[in-house]
Amino acid sequence: MKRLVALAVSAFGVRALLRRRSRAIEPADELRSRLAATRTTDEPEPPAATSADEPLDGVDARRADVHARARQSIDELSN
């Protein structure tokens, strides 16, 4: 009798585990479909590159200065 009860409890446990596992997969599928839908929408165009003739504002000027100093430091280290 104990074996029958143990078998029944095990069967219910396996069934519950399988049901829980299948539910966990469903949200993943839903998220994948949402991601695919957002990928098909129009993506924003990347910002146009500024030419060297255009004046730089404060942030862009600082960024250009940092990059120039970094390139100079790399050149000094490589020599």
Protein backbone atom coordinates (compact mmCIF):
# COMPACT_ATOMS: atom_id res chain seq x y z
CA MET A 1 0.00 0.00 0.00
CA LYS A 2 2.87 2.38 0.82
CA ARG A 3 4.38 1.76 -2.60
CA LEU A 4 1.10 2.62 -4.30
CA VAL A 5 0.84 5.90 -2.39
CA ALA A 6 4.49 6.72 -3.12
CA LEU A 7 3.92 5.97 -6.82
CA ALA A 8 0.82 8.17 -6.92
CA VAL A 9 2.56 11.05 -5.16
CA SER A 10 5.53 10.73 -7.50
CA ALA A 11 3.25 10.76 -10.54
CA PHE A 12 1.51 13.92 -9.31
CA GLY A 13 4.88 15.51 -8.63
CA VAL A 14 6.19 14.71 -12.10
CA ARG A 15 2.99 16.01 -13.66
CA ALA A 16 3.18 19.25 -11.65
CA LEU A 17 6.82 19.68 -12.62
CA LEU A 18 6.05 19.23 -16.31
CA ARG A 19 3.13 21.68 -16.15
CA ARG A 20 5.28 24.24 -14.37
CA ARG A 21 8.06 23.82 -16.90
CA SER A 22 5.70 24.31 -19.86
CA ARG A 23 4.35 27.51 -18.29
CA ALA A 24 7.87 28.84 -17.89
CA ILE A 25 8.48 28.37 -21.61
CA GLU A 26 5.37 30.29 -22.66
CA PRO A 27 6.53 33.71 -21.38
CA ALA A 28 9.86 33.19 -23.13
CA ASP A 29 8.04 32.57 -26.41
CA GLU A 30 5.92 35.67 -25.83
CA LEU A 31 9.03 37.78 -25.24
CA ARG A 32 10.67 36.39 -28.36
CA SER A 33 7.63 37.35 -30.44
CA ARG A 34 7.64 40.87 -28.96
CA LEU A 35 11.32 41.23 -29.73
CA ALA A 36 10.78 40.07 -33.30
CA ALA A 37 7.95 42.58 -33.68
CA THR A 38 10.12 45.46 -32.48
CA ARG A 39 12.90 44.47 -34.84
CA THR A 40 10.57 44.71 -37.82
CA THR A 41 9.52 48.28 -37.02
CA ASP A 42 11.39 51.17 -38.50
CA GLU A 43 14.69 51.64 -36.78
CA PRO A 44 15.83 55.21 -36.22
CA GLU A 45 18.55 56.36 -38.53
CA PRO A 46 21.96 56.85 -36.94
CA PRO A 47 22.94 60.47 -36.49
CA ALA A 48 24.78 61.96 -39.42
CA ALA A 49 28.52 62.28 -39.00
CA THR A 50 29.72 65.83 -38.58
CA SER A 51 32.24 67.09 -41.04
CA ALA A 52 35.52 68.65 -39.97
CA ASP A 53 34.36 72.05 -41.27
CA GLU A 54 31.45 72.35 -38.84
CA PRO A 55 32.14 74.04 -35.48
CA LEU A 56 31.90 71.73 -32.49
CA ASP A 57 29.80 72.51 -29.46
CA GLY A 58 31.11 72.10 -25.89
CA VAL A 59 30.60 68.37 -25.42
CA ASP A 60 31.77 67.43 -28.91
CA ALA A 61 34.82 69.65 -28.58
CA ARG A 62 35.76 68.04 -25.26
CA ARG A 63 35.22 64.59 -26.73
CA ALA A 64 37.41 65.39 -29.72
CA ASP A 65 40.11 66.75 -27.39
CA VAL A 66 40.03 63.60 -25.24
CA HIS A 67 40.33 61.38 -28.31
CA ALA A 68 43.19 63.43 -29.69
CA ARG A 69 45.08 63.20 -26.39
CA ALA A 70 44.43 59.47 -26.21
CA ARG A 71 45.75 58.95 -29.73
CA GLN A 72 48.83 61.01 -28.87
CA SER A 73 49.45 58.92 -25.74
CA ILE A 74 49.07 55.68 -27.69
CA ASP A 75 51.52 56.94 -30.32
CA GLU A 76 54.04 57.87 -27.62
CA LEU A 77 53.75 54.45 -25.98
CA SER A 78 54.11 52.59 -29.26
CA ASN A 79 57.38 54.42 -30.17
